[in-house]
PDB file of N, CA and C in Angstrom:
ATOM      1  N   UNK A   1     109.078  82.189  84.477  1.00  0.00           N
ATOM      2  CA  UNK A   1     107.943  82.848  85.070  1.00  0.00           C
ATOM      3  C   UNK A   1     106.964  83.194  83.950  1.00  0.00           C
ATOM      4  N   UNK A   2     105.693  82.856  84.142  1.00  0.00           N
ATOM      5  CA  UNK A   2     104.645  83.184  83.182  1.00  0.00           C
ATOM      6  C   UNK A   2     103.818  84.341  83.709  1.00  0.00           C
ATOM      7  N   UNK A   3     103.658  85.357  82.864  1.00  0.00           N
ATOM      8  CA  UNK A   3     102.881  86.536  83.215  1.00  0.00           C
ATOM      9  C   UNK A   3     101.899  86.837  82.092  1.00  0.00           C
ATOM     10  N   UNK A   4     100.783  87.446  82.443  1.00  0.00           N
ATOM     11  CA  UNK A   4      99.854  87.932  81.429  1.00  0.00           C
ATOM     12  C   UNK A   4     100.077  89.434  81.339  1.00  0.00           C
ATOM     13  N   UNK A   5     100.599  89.873  80.183  1.00  0.00           N
ATOM     14  CA  UNK A   5     100.928  91.282  79.985  1.00  0.00           C
ATOM     15  C   UNK A   5     100.115  91.800  78.809  1.00  0.00           C
ATOM     16  N   UNK A   6      99.262  92.777  79.097  1.00  0.00           N
ATOM     17  CA  UNK A   6      98.377  93.356  78.087  1.00  0.00           C
ATOM     18  C   UNK A   6      97.581  92.282  77.350  1.00  0.00           C
ATOM     19  N   UNK A   7      97.075  91.322  78.129  1.00  0.00           N
ATOM     20  CA  UNK A   7      96.218  90.279  77.586  1.00  0.00           C
ATOM     21  C   UNK A   7      96.929  89.121  76.926  1.00  0.00           C
ATOM     22  N   UNK A   8      98.242  89.133  76.922  1.00  0.00           N
ATOM     23  CA  UNK A   8      99.035  88.100  76.253  1.00  0.00           C
ATOM     24  C   UNK A   8      99.929  87.384  77.264  1.00  0.00           C
ATOM     25  N   UNK A   9      99.942  86.058  77.227  1.00  0.00           N
ATOM     26  CA  UNK A   9     100.800  85.289  78.128  1.00  0.00           C
ATOM     27  C   UNK A   9     102.240  85.391  77.638  1.00  0.00           C
ATOM     28  N   UNK A  10     103.132  85.801  78.550  1.00  0.00           N
ATOM     29  CA  UNK A  10     104.554  85.905  78.214  1.00  0.00           C
ATOM     30  C   UNK A  10     105.352  85.099  79.227  1.00  0.00           C
ATOM     31  N   UNK A  11     106.374  84.435  78.744  1.00  0.00           N
ATOM     32  CA  UNK A  11     107.289  83.701  79.607  1.00  0.00           C
ATOM     33  C   UNK A  11     108.558  84.528  79.751  1.00  0.00           C
ATOM     34  N   UNK A  12     108.903  84.827  80.999  1.00  0.00           N
ATOM     35  CA  UNK A  12     110.122  85.582  81.283  1.00  0.00           C
ATOM     36  C   UNK A  12     111.180  84.584  81.722  1.00  0.00           C
ATOM     37  N   UNK A  13     112.203  84.428  80.904  1.00  0.00           N
ATOM     38  CA  UNK A  13     113.280  83.489  81.209  1.00  0.00           C
ATOM     39  C   UNK A  13     114.237  84.104  82.226  1.00  0.00           C
ATOM     40  N   UNK A  14     114.861  83.259  83.009  1.00  0.00           N
ATOM     41  CA  UNK A  14     115.874  83.660  83.987  1.00  0.00           C
ATOM     42  C   UNK A  14     115.366  84.692  84.991  1.00  0.00           C
ATOM     43  N   UNK A  15     114.078  84.645  85.309  1.00  0.00           N
ATOM     44  CA  UNK A  15     113.527  85.592  86.284  1.00  0.00           C
ATOM     45  C   UNK A  15     113.821  85.087  87.691  1.00  0.00           C
ATOM     46  N   UNK A  16     114.327  85.985  88.531  1.00  0.00           N
ATOM     47  CA  UNK A  16     114.573  85.644  89.925  1.00  0.00           C
ATOM     48  C   UNK A  16     113.241  85.449  90.635  1.00  0.00           C
ATOM     49  N   UNK A  17     113.274  84.793  91.769  1.00  0.00           N
ATOM     50  CA  UNK A  17     112.063  84.655  92.565  1.00  0.00           C
ATOM     51  C   UNK A  17     111.657  86.001  93.146  1.00  0.00           C
ATOM     52  N   UNK A  18     112.581  86.956  93.214  1.00  0.00           N
ATOM     53  CA  UNK A  18     112.328  88.287  93.748  1.00  0.00           C
ATOM     54  C   UNK A  18     112.318  89.313  92.613  1.00  0.00           C
ATOM     55  N   UNK A  19     111.707  88.972  91.496  1.00  0.00           N
ATOM     56  CA  UNK A  19     111.659  89.879  90.345  1.00  0.00           C
ATOM     57  C   UNK A  19     110.804  91.087  90.710  1.00  0.00           C
ATOM     58  N   UNK A  20     111.333  92.299  90.490  1.00  0.00           N
ATOM     59  CA  UNK A  20     110.627  93.524  90.852  1.00  0.00           C
ATOM     60  C   UNK A  20     110.045  94.187  89.606  1.00  0.00           C
ATOM     61  N   UNK A  21     108.952  94.923  89.795  1.00  0.00           N
ATOM     62  CA  UNK A  21     108.262  95.572  88.685  1.00  0.00           C
ATOM     63  C   UNK A  21     109.189  96.484  87.898  1.00  0.00           C
ATOM     64  N   UNK A  22     110.010  97.257  88.577  1.00  0.00           N
ATOM     65  CA  UNK A  22     110.933  98.165  87.895  1.00  0.00           C
ATOM     66  C   UNK A  22     111.847  97.389  86.938  1.00  0.00           C
ATOM     67  N   UNK A  23     112.394  96.268  87.403  1.00  0.00           N
ATOM     68  CA  UNK A  23     113.264  95.445  86.568  1.00  0.00           C
ATOM     69  C   UNK A  23     112.522  94.818  85.406  1.00  0.00           C
ATOM     70  N   UNK A  24     111.283  94.413  85.632  1.00  0.00           N
ATOM     71  CA  UNK A  24     110.485  93.826  84.561  1.00  0.00           C
ATOM     72  C   UNK A  24     110.247  94.844  83.451  1.00  0.00           C
ATOM     73  N   UNK A  25     109.881  96.059  83.820  1.00  0.00           N
ATOM     74  CA  UNK A  25     109.634  97.089  82.813  1.00  0.00           C
ATOM     75  C   UNK A  25     110.883  97.363  81.990  1.00  0.00           C
ATOM     76  N   UNK A  26     112.038  97.421  82.652  1.00  0.00           N
ATOM     77  CA  UNK A  26     113.301  97.613  81.934  1.00  0.00           C
ATOM     78  C   UNK A  26     113.562  96.435  81.001  1.00  0.00           C
ATOM     79  N   UNK A  27     113.352  95.220  81.509  1.00  0.00           N
ATOM     80  CA  UNK A  27     113.561  94.007  80.728  1.00  0.00           C
ATOM     81  C   UNK A  27     112.690  93.992  79.464  1.00  0.00           C
ATOM     82  N   UNK A  28     111.462  94.496  79.593  1.00  0.00           N
ATOM     83  CA  UNK A  28     110.532  94.505  78.469  1.00  0.00           C
ATOM     84  C   UNK A  28     110.733  95.698  77.535  1.00  0.00           C
ATOM     85  N   UNK A  29     111.637  96.630  77.916  1.00  0.00           N
ATOM     86  CA  UNK A  29     111.968  97.748  77.041  1.00  0.00           C
ATOM     87  C   UNK A  29     111.069  98.968  77.175  1.00  0.00           C
ATOM     88  N   UNK A  30     110.276  99.040  78.230  1.00  0.00           N
ATOM     89  CA  UNK A  30     109.433 100.213  78.434  1.00  0.00           C
ATOM     90  C   UNK A  30     110.242 101.371  79.010  1.00  0.00           C
ATOM     91  N   UNK A  31     109.879 102.582  78.629  1.00  0.00           N
ATOM     92  CA  UNK A  31     110.488 103.782  79.201  1.00  0.00           C
ATOM     93  C   UNK A  31     109.641 104.168  80.412  1.00  0.00           C
ATOM     94  N   UNK A  32     110.197 104.097  81.621  1.00  0.00           N
ATOM     95  CA  UNK A  32     109.418 104.297  82.848  1.00  0.00           C
ATOM     96  C   UNK A  32     108.637 105.601  82.907  1.00  0.00           C
ATOM     97  N   UNK A  33     109.154 106.663  82.338  1.00  0.00           N
ATOM     98  CA  UNK A  33     108.463 107.946  82.425  1.00  0.00           C
ATOM     99  C   UNK A  33     107.261 108.026  81.490  1.00  0.00           C
ATOM    100  N   UNK A  34     107.068 107.016  80.639  1.00  0.00           N
ATOM    101  CA  UNK A  34     105.990 107.053  79.655  1.00  0.00           C
ATOM    102  C   UNK A  34     104.935 105.965  79.839  1.00  0.00           C
ATOM    103  N   UNK A  35     104.910 105.293  80.987  1.00  0.00           N
ATOM    104  CA  UNK A  35     103.941 104.212  81.166  1.00  0.00           C
ATOM    105  C   UNK A  35     103.163 104.347  82.473  1.00  0.00           C
ATOM    106  N   UNK A  36     101.981 103.762  82.448  1.00  0.00           N
ATOM    107  CA  UNK A  36     101.154 103.570  83.635  1.00  0.00           C
ATOM    108  C   UNK A  36     100.982 102.066  83.757  1.00  0.00           C
ATOM    109  N   UNK A  37     101.134 101.546  84.987  1.00  0.00           N
ATOM    110  CA  UNK A  37     101.101 100.094  85.186  1.00  0.00           C
ATOM    111  C   UNK A  37      99.986  99.702  86.150  1.00  0.00           C
ATOM    112  N   UNK A  38      99.221  98.696  85.722  1.00  0.00           N
ATOM    113  CA  UNK A  38      98.204  98.084  86.574  1.00  0.00           C
ATOM    114  C   UNK A  38      98.649  96.646  86.833  1.00  0.00           C
ATOM    115  N   UNK A  39      98.713  96.266  88.095  1.00  0.00           N
ATOM    116  CA  UNK A  39      99.125  94.924  88.486  1.00  0.00           C
ATOM    117  C   UNK A  39      97.964  94.257  89.196  1.00  0.00           C
ATOM    118  N   UNK A  40      97.457  93.186  88.615  1.00  0.00           N
ATOM    119  CA  UNK A  40      96.326  92.436  89.185  1.00  0.00           C
ATOM    120  C   UNK A  40      95.162  93.358  89.554  1.00  0.00           C
ATOM    121  N   UNK A  41      94.872  94.311  88.645  1.00  0.00           N
ATOM    122  CA  UNK A  41      93.723  95.190  88.824  1.00  0.00           C
ATOM    123  C   UNK A  41      93.960  96.443  89.640  1.00  0.00           C
ATOM    124  N   UNK A  42      95.192  96.670  90.112  1.00  0.00           N
ATOM    125  CA  UNK A  42      95.510  97.839  90.935  1.00  0.00           C
ATOM    126  C   UNK A  42      96.628  98.643  90.272  1.00  0.00           C
ATOM    127  N   UNK A  43      96.408  99.952  90.112  1.00  0.00           N
ATOM    128  CA  UNK A  43      97.450 100.807  89.539  1.00  0.00           C
ATOM    129  C   UNK A  43      98.576 100.963  90.547  1.00  0.00           C
ATOM    130  N   UNK A  44      99.803 100.783  90.074  1.00  0.00           N
ATOM    131  CA  UNK A  44     100.993 100.897  90.926  1.00  0.00           C
ATOM    132  C   UNK A  44     101.697 102.201  90.561  1.00  0.00           C
ATOM    133  N   UNK A  45     101.913 103.069  91.547  1.00  0.00           N
ATOM    134  CA  UNK A  45     102.590 104.335  91.284  1.00  0.00           C
ATOM    135  C   UNK A  45     104.080 104.083  91.044  1.00  0.00           C
ATOM    136  N   UNK A  46     104.709 104.905  90.210  1.00  0.00           N
ATOM    137  CA  UNK A  46     106.119 104.700  89.882  1.00  0.00           C
ATOM    138  C   UNK A  46     107.041 104.614  91.099  1.00  0.00           C
ATOM    139  N   UNK A  47     106.763 105.348  92.157  1.00  0.00           N
ATOM    140  CA  UNK A  47     107.635 105.289  93.337  1.00  0.00           C
ATOM    141  C   UNK A  47     107.578 103.920  94.014  1.00  0.00           C
ATOM    142  N   UNK A  48     106.530 103.138  93.745  1.00  0.00           N
ATOM    143  CA  UNK A  48     106.400 101.808  94.349  1.00  0.00           C
ATOM    144  C   UNK A  48     106.949 100.687  93.465  1.00  0.00           C
ATOM    145  N   UNK A  49     107.351 101.000  92.234  1.00  0.00           N
ATOM    146  CA  UNK A  49     107.826  99.962  91.327  1.00  0.00           C
ATOM    147  C   UNK A  49     109.042  99.228  91.882  1.00  0.00           C
ATOM    148  N   UNK A  50     109.926  99.935  92.568  1.00  0.00           N
ATOM    149  CA  UNK A  50     111.167  99.328  93.063  1.00  0.00           C
ATOM    150  C   UNK A  50     110.903  98.325  94.190  1.00  0.00           C
ATOM    151  N   UNK A  51     109.750  98.422  94.845  1.00  0.00           N
ATOM    152  CA  UNK A  51     109.423  97.525  95.951  1.00  0.00           C
ATOM    153  C   UNK A  51     108.327  96.515  95.619  1.00  0.00           C
ATOM    154  N   UNK A  52     107.787  96.576  94.397  1.00  0.00           N
ATOM    155  CA  UNK A  52     106.674  95.711  94.020  1.00  0.00           C
ATOM    156  C   UNK A  52     107.202  94.419  93.411  1.00  0.00           C
ATOM    157  N   UNK A  53     106.966  93.312  94.101  1.00  0.00           N
ATOM    158  CA  UNK A  53     107.429  92.010  93.639  1.00  0.00           C
ATOM    159  C   UNK A  53     106.443  91.432  92.632  1.00  0.00           C
ATOM    160  N   UNK A  54     106.996  90.862  91.580  1.00  0.00           N
ATOM    161  CA  UNK A  54     106.198  90.207  90.547  1.00  0.00           C
ATOM    162  C   UNK A  54     106.287  88.712  90.770  1.00  0.00           C
ATOM    163  N   UNK A  55     105.120  88.056  90.736  1.00  0.00           N
ATOM    164  CA  UNK A  55     105.073  86.612  90.964  1.00  0.00           C
ATOM    165  C   UNK A  55     104.532  85.905  89.728  1.00  0.00           C
ATOM    166  N   UNK A  56     104.883  84.641  89.616  1.00  0.00           N
ATOM    167  CA  UNK A  56     104.382  83.820  88.534  1.00  0.00           C
ATOM    168  C   UNK A  56     102.853  83.890  88.505  1.00  0.00           C
ATOM    169  N   UNK A  57     102.291  84.131  87.325  1.00  0.00           N
ATOM    170  CA  UNK A  57     100.845  84.182  87.165  1.00  0.00           C
ATOM    171  C   UNK A  57     100.239  85.566  87.305  1.00  0.00           C
ATOM    172  N   UNK A  58     101.054  86.577  87.652  1.00  0.00           N
ATOM    173  CA  UNK A  58     100.523  87.932  87.786  1.00  0.00           C
ATOM    174  C   UNK A  58     100.014  88.442  86.435  1.00  0.00           C
ATOM    175  N   UNK A  59      99.068  89.383  86.521  1.00  0.00           N
ATOM    176  CA  UNK A  59      98.474  89.991  85.342  1.00  0.00           C
ATOM    177  C   UNK A  59      98.799  91.482  85.343  1.00  0.00           C
ATOM    178  N   UNK A  60      99.437  91.947  84.267  1.00  0.00           N
ATOM    179  CA  UNK A  60      99.810  93.358  84.159  1.00  0.00           C
ATOM    180  C   UNK A  60      99.192  93.980  82.922  1.00  0.00           C
ATOM    181  N   UNK A  61      98.795  95.223  83.083  1.00  0.00           N
ATOM    182  CA  UNK A  61      98.413  96.054  81.948  1.00  0.00           C
ATOM    183  C   UNK A  61      99.398  97.211  81.961  1.00  0.00           C
ATOM    184  N   UNK A  62     100.108  97.384  80.864  1.00  0.00           N
ATOM    185  CA  UNK A  62     101.090  98.460  80.752  1.00  0.00           C
ATOM    186  C   UNK A  62     100.609  99.373  79.627  1.00  0.00           C
ATOM    187  N   UNK A  63     100.271 100.603  79.996  1.00  0.00           N
ATOM    188  CA  UNK A  63      99.745 101.570  79.034  1.00  0.00           C
ATOM    189  C   UNK A  63     100.824 102.616  78.771  1.00  0.00           C
ATOM    190  N   UNK A  64     101.163 102.783  77.505  1.00  0.00           N
ATOM    191  CA  UNK A  64     102.156 103.781  77.109  1.00  0.00           C
ATOM    192  C   UNK A  64     101.461 105.096  76.821  1.00  0.00           C
ATOM    193  N   UNK A  65     101.981 106.153  77.393  1.00  0.00           N
ATOM    194  CA  UNK A  65     101.438 107.496  77.180  1.00  0.00           C
ATOM    195  C   UNK A  65     102.045 108.052  75.896  1.00  0.00           C
ATOM    196  N   UNK A  66     101.175 108.496  75.008  1.00  0.00           N
ATOM    197  CA  UNK A  66     101.621 109.026  73.726  1.00  0.00           C
ATOM    198  C   UNK A  66     101.087 110.450  73.579  1.00  0.00           C
ATOM    199  N   UNK A  67     101.993 111.361  73.297  1.00  0.00           N
ATOM    200  CA  UNK A  67     101.580 112.745  73.072  1.00  0.00           C
ATOM    201  C   UNK A  67     101.007 112.911  71.677  1.00  0.00           C
ATOM    202  N   UNK A  68     100.301 113.963  71.501  1.00  0.00           N
ATOM    203  CA  UNK A  68      99.754 114.234  70.181  1.00  0.00           C
ATOM    204  C   UNK A  68      98.456 114.994  70.280  1.00  0.00           C
ATOM    205  N   UNK A  69      97.774 115.034  69.227  1.00  0.00           N
ATOM    206  CA  UNK A  69      96.502 115.740  69.166  1.00  0.00           C
ATOM    207  C   UNK A  69      96.195 116.068  67.728  1.00  0.00           C
ATOM    208  N   UNK A  70      95.196 116.874  67.549  1.00  0.00           N
ATOM    209  CA  UNK A  70      94.834 117.236  66.177  1.00  0.00           C
ATOM    210  C   UNK A  70      95.060 118.726  65.972  1.00  0.00           C
ATOM    211  N   UNK A  71      95.366 119.059  64.767  1.00  0.00           N
ATOM    212  CA  UNK A  71      95.553 120.460  64.390  1.00  0.00           C
ATOM    213  C   UNK A  71      94.322 120.885  63.606  1.00  0.00           C
ATOM    214  N   UNK A  72      93.844 122.047  63.918  1.00  0.00           N
ATOM    215  CA  UNK A  72      92.665 122.561  63.195  1.00  0.00           C
ATOM    216  C   UNK A  72      93.079 123.538  62.143  1.00  0.00           C
TER     217      UNK A  72
END
């Protein structure tokens, strides 16, 4: 399966035809509580990840939330 993830084409080997977003994020090593996911231009809420099917050619943007700030 070929996907565009954060602007880069990635090939996912051994992907089922029913590959789900939750499984993809785990496969790619993302920590679910620290990411926001956009699939084909639409933000997908975490509660929908388990039911969201990923298809060949889909485009994902995965943004990792990072804490921090500046000290004055």
